Amino acid sequence: LLLATGKVDINSKDLGRRTPLLYAAENGHEGVIKLLLATGKVDINSKDLGHRTPLLYAAKNSHEGVIKLLLDTGKVDINSKDLDGRTPLLYAAENGHEGVIKLLLAT
């Protein structure tokens, strides 16, 4: 309902510069991500203070459904790096998320 009013800043950030999309991606909330993406206003490559993106959080936590949603936009930067130079692929490999690795390599 709040999104429908058009009065909500969909890219609002907390003190860690984390957006609603970042939180939803980190926690695997596919329904929330669909709602946010449907607005057409969400910054899909938003970065927190550590320069982590929604895709990076989803890859780190093996949220394959979230990754598919983000990749399907055609706008996500799959090679984005956090402050330590880590990419979504690196996080997926480090954590043994084979399904995520396959999704990322297929793009």
Protein backbone atom coordinates (compact mmCIF):
# COMPACT_ATOMS: atom_id res chain seq x y z
CA LEU A 1 0.00 0.00 0.00
CA LEU A 2 2.76 2.44 0.80
CA LEU A 3 4.43 1.87 -2.56
CA ALA A 4 1.17 2.61 -4.36
CA THR A 5 0.97 6.10 -2.85
CA GLY A 6 4.10 7.22 -4.69
CA LYS A 7 5.13 9.14 -1.59
CA VAL A 8 7.70 6.63 -0.37
CA ASP A 9 11.39 6.94 -1.19
CA ILE A 10 11.97 3.42 -2.48
CA ASN A 11 15.74 3.92 -2.33
CA SER A 12 15.89 5.32 1.20
CA LYS A 13 19.04 4.35 3.09
CA ASP A 14 19.79 3.68 6.72
CA LEU A 15 23.01 4.71 8.47
CA GLY A 16 24.84 1.84 6.80
CA ARG A 17 23.54 3.07 3.42
CA ARG A 18 21.40 -0.06 3.11
CA THR A 19 18.20 0.13 1.07
CA PRO A 20 15.02 -1.94 1.33
CA LEU A 21 16.21 -3.91 -1.72
CA LEU A 22 19.51 -4.74 -0.01
CA TYR A 23 17.70 -6.06 3.07
CA ALA A 24 15.23 -8.07 0.99
CA ALA A 25 18.02 -9.59 -1.11
CA GLU A 26 20.10 -10.49 1.93
CA ASN A 27 17.17 -12.28 3.53
CA GLY A 28 15.76 -13.95 0.43
CA HIS A 29 12.42 -12.14 0.39
CA GLU A 30 11.44 -12.74 -3.23
CA GLY A 31 7.95 -11.29 -2.85
CA VAL A 32 9.31 -8.02 -1.50
CA ILE A 33 11.85 -7.85 -4.31
CA LYS A 34 9.13 -8.36 -6.91
CA LEU A 35 7.15 -5.47 -5.41
CA LEU A 36 10.18 -3.19 -5.36
CA LEU A 37 11.23 -4.06 -8.91
CA ALA A 38 7.68 -3.55 -10.17
CA THR A 39 7.89 0.15 -9.27
CA GLY A 40 10.56 0.67 -11.92
CA LYS A 41 12.24 3.13 -9.56
CA VAL A 42 14.47 0.91 -7.46
CA ASP A 43 18.25 1.25 -7.72
CA ILE A 44 19.15 -2.36 -8.46
CA ASN A 45 22.88 -1.73 -8.01
CA SER A 46 22.66 0.25 -4.77
CA LYS A 47 25.67 -0.17 -2.47
CA ASP A 48 25.97 -0.07 1.28
CA LEU A 49 28.98 1.34 3.15
CA GLY A 50 30.95 -1.80 2.31
CA HIS A 51 29.99 -1.40 -1.38
CA ARG A 52 27.92 -4.60 -1.18
CA THR A 53 25.05 -4.81 -3.69
CA PRO A 54 21.76 -6.72 -3.56
CA LEU A 55 23.23 -9.33 -5.94
CA LEU A 56 26.27 -9.76 -3.74
CA TYR A 57 24.12 -10.35 -0.64
CA ALA A 58 21.91 -12.82 -2.52
CA ALA A 59 24.96 -14.70 -3.85
CA LYS A 60 26.58 -14.83 -0.43
CA ASN A 61 23.43 -16.29 1.12
CA SER A 62 22.53 -18.62 -1.78
CA HIS A 63 19.16 -17.02 -2.55
CA GLU A 64 18.83 -18.37 -6.09
CA GLY A 65 15.30 -17.06 -6.60
CA VAL A 66 16.43 -13.55 -5.70
CA ILE A 67 19.40 -13.83 -8.03
CA LYS A 68 17.14 -14.87 -10.90
CA LEU A 69 14.86 -11.89 -10.27
CA LEU A 70 17.79 -9.48 -10.23
CA LEU A 71 19.45 -10.98 -13.31
CA ASP A 72 16.16 -10.97 -15.22
CA THR A 73 16.09 -7.17 -15.06
CA GLY A 74 19.12 -7.04 -17.35
CA LYS A 75 20.36 -4.08 -15.31
CA VAL A 76 22.36 -5.70 -12.55
CA ASP A 77 26.15 -5.39 -12.47
CA ILE A 78 27.31 -8.99 -11.97
CA ASN A 79 30.95 -7.93 -11.58
CA SER A 80 30.43 -5.34 -8.86
CA LYS A 81 33.05 -5.42 -6.10
CA ASP A 82 32.77 -4.66 -2.42
CA LEU A 83 35.47 -2.72 -0.57
CA ASP A 84 37.54 -5.90 -0.24
CA GLY A 85 37.39 -6.51 -4.01
CA ARG A 86 34.99 -9.44 -3.68
CA THR A 87 32.44 -10.11 -6.41
CA PRO A 88 29.16 -12.03 -6.18
CA LEU A 89 30.87 -14.98 -7.90
CA LEU A 90 33.68 -14.96 -5.36
CA TYR A 91 31.20 -15.00 -2.45
CA ALA A 92 29.27 -17.85 -4.05
CA ALA A 93 32.45 -19.87 -4.60
CA GLU A 94 33.73 -19.17 -1.10
CA ASN A 95 30.48 -20.46 0.39
CA GLY A 96 30.10 -23.45 -1.94
CA HIS A 97 26.88 -22.26 -3.58
CA GLU A 98 27.03 -24.27 -6.82
CA GLY A 99 23.57 -23.25 -8.03
CA VAL A 100 24.44 -19.58 -7.63
CA ILE A 101 27.72 -20.07 -9.47
CA LYS A 102 25.88 -21.68 -12.38
CA LEU A 103 23.40 -18.78 -12.53
CA LEU A 104 26.15 -16.17 -12.52
CA LEU A 105 28.28 -17.95 -15.12
CA ALA A 106 25.27 -18.37 -17.42
CA THR A 107 24.85 -14.59 -17.75
